[in-house]
Amino acid sequence: MKKKIIFLILLIIFIIVLFLIPKDTYKKIFGNNTSDSVLNETNNESISVYMVDENNMLVGVNAYVESIEEDIINQKFDILIKETGVFKEKYDTTINTMTKLLDYNLDENVLTLNLSKEFLESEGRTTLEQIVWSFCDDNIKSVNLMVDGENINCLNGFYFDKLNKEMGINITYESGFVFESKTTTVIEYLGSIIKPVTYVYYDENECDFIVSKLLKDFYETKEYDYVVNKDSIIIDLQTDTLLSENTKKSIAETIKYNMEINNIQIQGLNQVLLEINDNTGL
């Protein structure tokens, strides 16, 4: 009888303790199992930015916010230094989180960010890649950086001239002959995540290289051919296999990014697997 009474008392104490634990502490101890539906109940909009994943690579992810503000530049910067926004997975930033965006200016597709001195303690090249790939889009082609109103051309030992997407991202060296090598950025879509990698490689046709990264099965057996004409490319695959939506996006974005081609067609044996032009778009 005494054992039952002791057990009941301990059980009651345990339940009371659980109720007293703060929500944040509870999440740290037992994990945060917030589902997508719960996440979107309070955050209905999303903004795409580049953050660091568990492999220390920059990836394009959606940050969920209550609403998209008119001042999207400030809102996006706050997300980058992790002051606002909610991510479905754990991501980090390479920007010193004490950095403040003092002011900014957008003039003829060039975005100038004036940052506080704490920015100089950020991680160098990776930080520049994170900023460029987060802000550059159809309207913003390049970024200028200032600290306390003064232009800078060096961050944590990395010197730079122009900051645009041509600088690459997540650079991976597949060749030891750097000065004779070619550079191609492969933009791979994996669900809602974008994983771009800029490869430095030697003595390989650019289209072959892109196919080898995005269509490995066809590349290994050489079951494909392609023709490039001015601003168009046609890739013939000896298969009836349908391409996933992620693969289509990866191919389209990678080819357009590297080859400045607007018209893309990928054909199987008996059907067109992917067609992109000025009319159809992505």
Protein backbone atom coordinates (compact mmCIF):
# COMPACT_ATOMS: atom_id res chain seq x y z
CA MET A 1 0.00 0.00 0.00
CA LYS A 2 2.81 2.38 0.93
CA LYS A 3 4.52 1.67 -2.41
CA LYS A 4 1.34 2.60 -4.32
CA ILE A 5 1.01 5.86 -2.38
CA ILE A 6 4.67 6.74 -3.02
CA PHE A 7 4.26 5.93 -6.73
CA LEU A 8 1.17 8.14 -7.00
CA ILE A 9 2.92 11.01 -5.22
CA LEU A 10 5.95 10.72 -7.55
CA LEU A 11 3.65 10.60 -10.58
CA ILE A 12 1.82 13.75 -9.47
CA ILE A 13 5.14 15.55 -8.86
CA PHE A 14 6.37 14.53 -12.34
CA ILE A 15 3.21 15.86 -13.99
CA ILE A 16 3.45 19.15 -12.09
CA VAL A 17 7.10 19.55 -13.14
CA LEU A 18 6.17 19.01 -16.79
CA PHE A 19 3.60 21.79 -16.62
CA LEU A 20 6.14 24.13 -15.02
CA ILE A 21 8.80 23.63 -17.70
CA PRO A 22 8.91 26.68 -20.08
CA LYS A 23 7.99 25.92 -23.70
CA ASP A 24 11.45 26.84 -25.03
CA THR A 25 13.17 24.56 -22.52
CA TYR A 26 10.70 21.80 -23.31
CA LYS A 27 11.56 22.03 -27.01
CA LYS A 28 15.29 21.86 -26.28
CA ILE A 29 14.86 18.76 -24.12
CA PHE A 30 12.26 16.85 -26.09
CA GLY A 31 12.79 18.29 -29.57
CA ASN A 32 10.70 20.56 -31.73
CA ASN A 33 8.21 18.52 -33.71
CA THR A 34 6.38 21.47 -35.22
CA SER A 35 4.66 20.21 -38.37
CA ASP A 36 4.41 22.16 -41.61
CA SER A 37 0.71 22.81 -41.00
CA VAL A 38 1.35 24.23 -37.52
CA LEU A 39 4.26 26.28 -38.84
CA ASN A 40 2.10 27.86 -41.51
CA GLU A 41 -0.73 28.71 -39.12
CA THR A 42 1.29 31.63 -37.76
CA ASN A 43 3.63 32.19 -40.74
CA ASN A 44 1.70 32.32 -43.99
CA GLU A 45 4.34 33.77 -46.32
CA SER A 46 7.86 32.67 -47.24
CA ILE A 47 11.02 34.43 -48.39
CA SER A 48 13.84 32.60 -50.14
CA VAL A 49 17.33 33.11 -48.70
CA TYR A 50 20.62 31.22 -48.59
CA MET A 51 21.70 29.74 -45.27
CA VAL A 52 24.32 27.22 -44.09
CA ASP A 53 23.16 23.61 -43.65
CA GLU A 54 24.57 20.81 -41.48
CA ASN A 55 27.25 20.10 -44.11
CA ASN A 56 28.46 23.71 -43.97
CA MET A 57 27.12 24.37 -47.47
CA LEU A 58 25.01 27.32 -48.54
CA VAL A 59 21.53 26.20 -49.60
CA GLY A 60 18.49 28.10 -50.81
CA VAL A 61 15.65 27.67 -48.32
CA ASN A 62 12.33 29.28 -47.44
CA ALA A 63 12.03 31.37 -44.31
CA TYR A 64 8.42 31.62 -43.16
CA VAL A 65 7.18 35.01 -41.97
CA GLU A 66 3.87 36.45 -40.84
CA SER A 67 3.76 38.68 -43.91
CA ILE A 68 6.05 40.03 -46.60
CA GLU A 69 6.86 43.63 -45.79
CA GLU A 70 7.11 46.49 -48.25
CA ASP A 71 10.76 46.93 -47.26
CA ILE A 72 11.82 43.46 -48.40
CA ILE A 73 15.56 44.31 -48.25
CA ASN A 74 15.49 45.01 -44.51
CA GLN A 75 13.22 42.04 -43.88
CA LYS A 76 15.50 39.69 -45.78
CA PHE A 77 18.59 40.97 -43.97
CA ASP A 78 16.89 40.39 -40.62
CA ILE A 79 16.28 36.80 -41.70
CA LEU A 80 19.93 36.37 -42.71
CA ILE A 81 21.13 37.38 -39.25
CA LYS A 82 18.41 35.18 -37.74
CA GLU A 83 16.41 37.95 -36.08
CA THR A 84 13.18 37.00 -37.87
CA GLY A 85 11.76 34.15 -39.93
CA VAL A 86 11.13 30.50 -39.18
CA PHE A 87 12.83 27.59 -40.94
CA LYS A 88 11.50 24.04 -41.15
CA GLU A 89 15.00 22.69 -40.50
CA LYS A 90 18.00 23.97 -38.58
CA TYR A 91 20.12 26.40 -40.60
CA ASP A 92 22.88 28.79 -39.61
CA THR A 93 24.34 32.03 -40.95
CA THR A 94 27.91 33.11 -41.73
CA ILE A 95 27.12 36.77 -41.07
CA ASN A 96 28.04 38.14 -37.65
CA THR A 97 24.62 38.26 -35.98
CA MET A 98 25.45 41.57 -34.26
CA THR A 99 25.61 43.25 -37.68
CA LYS A 100 23.08 46.01 -38.34
CA LEU A 101 21.85 47.20 -41.73
CA LEU A 102 22.30 50.96 -41.31
CA ASP A 103 20.76 51.85 -44.68
CA TYR A 104 20.74 50.70 -48.29
CA ASN A 105 20.28 52.01 -51.83
CA LEU A 106 19.07 50.32 -55.01
CA ASP A 107 20.17 52.07 -58.19
CA GLU A 108 20.11 50.58 -61.70
CA ASN A 109 20.11 46.95 -60.54
CA VAL A 110 22.94 47.55 -58.05
CA LEU A 111 22.14 47.11 -54.35
CA THR A 112 24.40 48.97 -51.91
CA LEU A 113 24.26 47.77 -48.31
CA ASN A 114 25.68 50.02 -45.58
CA LEU A 115 26.47 47.79 -42.60
CA SER A 116 27.75 48.27 -39.07
CA LYS A 117 31.38 47.49 -38.18
CA GLU A 118 30.41 44.08 -36.69
CA PHE A 119 30.05 42.83 -40.27
CA LEU A 120 33.85 42.79 -40.60
CA GLU A 121 33.90 39.84 -38.18
CA SER A 122 31.88 37.66 -40.58
CA GLU A 123 33.29 34.59 -42.34
CA GLY A 124 34.80 36.02 -45.51
CA ARG A 125 34.03 34.59 -48.93
CA THR A 126 31.18 32.36 -47.73
CA THR A 127 29.47 35.41 -46.23
CA LEU A 128 29.76 37.27 -49.54
CA GLU A 129 28.28 34.29 -51.38
CA GLN A 130 25.42 34.15 -48.88
CA ILE A 131 24.60 37.82 -49.40
CA VAL A 132 24.92 37.76 -53.19
CA TRP A 133 22.80 34.66 -53.70
CA SER A 134 20.18 35.84 -51.22
CA PHE A 135 19.72 39.32 -52.71
CA CYS A 136 20.50 38.98 -56.42
CA ASP A 137 17.47 38.28 -58.61
CA ASP A 138 15.86 39.64 -61.79
CA ASN A 139 15.93 43.19 -60.37
CA ILE A 140 19.24 43.08 -58.48
CA LYS A 141 22.27 42.06 -60.53
CA SER A 142 25.12 42.97 -58.17
CA VAL A 143 25.84 44.13 -54.62
CA ASN A 144 28.12 46.82 -53.19
CA LEU A 145 29.15 46.68 -49.53
CA MET A 146 29.92 49.53 -47.18
CA VAL A 147 30.80 49.60 -43.48
CA ASP A 148 29.87 52.76 -41.60
CA GLY A 149 29.57 54.59 -44.93
CA GLU A 150 32.96 53.47 -46.32
CA ASN A 151 33.32 51.08 -49.28
CA ILE A 152 35.11 47.82 -48.50
CA ASN A 153 36.88 45.38 -50.82
CA CYS A 154 38.08 42.83 -48.26
CA LEU A 155 36.26 40.67 -45.74
CA ASN A 156 38.14 38.54 -43.26
CA GLY A 157 41.15 38.15 -45.60
CA PHE A 158 39.16 37.66 -48.82
CA TYR A 159 39.60 40.44 -51.37
CA PHE A 160 36.88 41.09 -53.94
CA ASP A 161 36.05 43.44 -56.79
CA LYS A 162 32.54 42.80 -58.10
CA LEU A 163 29.91 40.97 -56.09
CA ASN A 164 27.44 39.12 -58.30
CA LYS A 165 26.43 35.53 -58.97
CA GLU A 166 29.37 35.09 -61.33
CA MET A 167 31.59 34.75 -58.25
CA GLY A 168 30.05 31.29 -57.73
CA ILE A 169 28.93 29.49 -54.60
CA ASN A 170 30.08 26.44 -52.63
CA ILE A 171 33.15 26.21 -54.87
CA THR A 172 34.38 22.66 -55.39
CA TYR A 173 37.71 21.98 -57.08
CA GLU A 174 37.81 18.92 -59.32
CA SER A 175 41.00 20.02 -61.02
CA GLY A 176 44.45 20.87 -59.76
CA PHE A 177 45.06 23.13 -62.77
CA VAL A 178 43.10 26.08 -61.45
CA PHE A 179 44.33 28.70 -63.93
CA GLU A 180 43.52 26.47 -66.92
CA SER A 181 40.23 25.19 -65.58
CA LYS A 182 36.62 25.86 -66.52
CA THR A 183 33.92 26.90 -64.08
CA THR A 184 30.29 25.77 -64.12
CA THR A 185 27.61 26.28 -61.48
CA VAL A 186 25.18 23.39 -61.16
CA ILE A 187 21.90 24.45 -59.54
CA GLU A 188 20.15 21.39 -58.11
CA TYR A 189 16.60 21.42 -56.75
CA LEU A 190 15.77 18.95 -53.99
CA GLY A 191 12.18 19.52 -52.96
CA SER A 192 11.99 23.03 -51.51
CA ILE A 193 15.78 23.23 -51.09
CA ILE A 194 18.19 24.57 -53.71
CA LYS A 195 21.76 23.24 -53.62
CA PRO A 196 24.03 25.17 -56.03
CA VAL A 197 27.67 24.18 -56.41
CA THR A 198 30.27 25.93 -58.56
CA TYR A 199 32.66 23.32 -59.94
CA VAL A 200 36.19 24.08 -61.10
CA TYR A 201 37.11 21.33 -63.57
CA TYR A 202 39.50 20.67 -66.42
CA ASP A 203 39.11 19.84 -70.11
CA GLU A 204 35.47 18.81 -70.43
CA ASN A 205 32.66 20.18 -72.57
CA GLU A 206 30.34 22.35 -70.47
CA CYS A 207 27.15 20.67 -71.66
CA ASP A 208 28.63 17.21 -71.01
CA PHE A 209 29.63 18.36 -67.55
CA ILE A 210 26.13 19.65 -66.75
CA VAL A 211 24.52 16.43 -67.99
CA SER A 212 27.00 14.37 -65.97
CA LYS A 213 25.92 16.15 -62.77
CA LEU A 214 22.15 16.29 -63.33
CA LEU A 215 21.45 13.24 -65.51
CA LYS A 216 23.97 10.74 -64.19
CA ASP A 217 22.16 7.64 -65.46
CA PHE A 218 22.17 8.86 -69.08
CA TYR A 219 25.68 10.23 -68.89
CA GLU A 220 27.23 6.99 -67.65
CA THR A 221 25.87 5.05 -70.64
CA LYS A 222 26.24 8.00 -73.06
CA GLU A 223 22.59 7.55 -74.03
CA TYR A 224 22.13 11.15 -75.08
CA ASP A 225 23.09 13.73 -77.69
CA TYR A 226 22.63 17.48 -77.93
CA VAL A 227 22.69 20.37 -80.38
CA VAL A 228 23.37 24.01 -79.49
CA ASN A 229 22.14 26.71 -81.87
CA LYS A 230 22.58 30.38 -80.93
CA ASP A 231 20.25 30.82 -77.94
CA SER A 232 18.73 27.31 -77.90
CA ILE A 233 19.74 23.80 -76.90
CA ILE A 234 18.14 20.44 -77.72
CA ILE A 235 19.11 17.38 -75.67
CA ASP A 236 18.03 13.95 -76.97
CA LEU A 237 17.77 11.19 -74.37
CA GLN A 238 17.36 7.60 -75.49
CA THR A 239 14.61 6.89 -72.98
CA ASP A 240 10.89 7.20 -72.28
CA THR A 241 11.51 7.86 -68.59
CA LEU A 242 9.72 10.98 -67.38
CA LEU A 243 11.77 13.61 -65.61
CA SER A 244 10.78 14.75 -62.11
CA GLU A 245 9.79 18.38 -61.57
CA ASN A 246 12.95 18.92 -59.51
CA THR A 247 15.11 17.55 -62.34
CA LYS A 248 13.37 19.83 -64.85
CA LYS A 249 14.01 22.87 -62.67
CA SER A 250 17.64 21.84 -62.11
CA ILE A 251 18.29 21.42 -65.84
CA ALA A 252 16.53 24.63 -66.84
CA GLU A 253 18.16 26.87 -64.20
CA THR A 254 21.63 25.37 -64.68
CA ILE A 255 21.62 25.70 -68.47
CA LYS A 256 20.17 29.22 -68.43
CA TYR A 257 22.61 30.33 -65.72
CA ASN A 258 25.75 29.04 -67.44
CA MET A 259 24.97 29.21 -71.14
CA GLU A 260 22.65 32.23 -71.41
CA ILE A 261 20.18 30.08 -73.32
CA ASN A 262 16.44 30.80 -73.23
CA ASN A 263 15.11 27.95 -75.37
CA ILE A 264 15.58 24.48 -73.95
CA GLN A 265 14.14 21.22 -75.19
CA ILE A 266 14.77 17.74 -73.82
CA GLN A 267 13.39 14.87 -75.88
CA GLY A 268 12.83 11.21 -75.06
CA LEU A 269 12.31 8.48 -77.63
CA ASN A 270 8.67 9.27 -78.34
CA GLN A 271 7.87 12.51 -76.56
CA VAL A 272 9.14 15.88 -75.44
CA LEU A 273 10.16 15.59 -71.78
CA LEU A 274 10.83 19.28 -71.18
CA GLU A 275 10.34 22.41 -73.27
CA ILE A 276 11.14 25.93 -72.13
CA ASN A 277 10.91 29.05 -74.25
CA ASP A 278 9.78 32.66 -74.01
CA ASN A 279 6.15 31.54 -74.15
CA THR A 280 6.13 28.55 -71.80
CA GLY A 281 8.70 29.72 -69.26
CA LEU A 282 9.72 27.34 -66.47
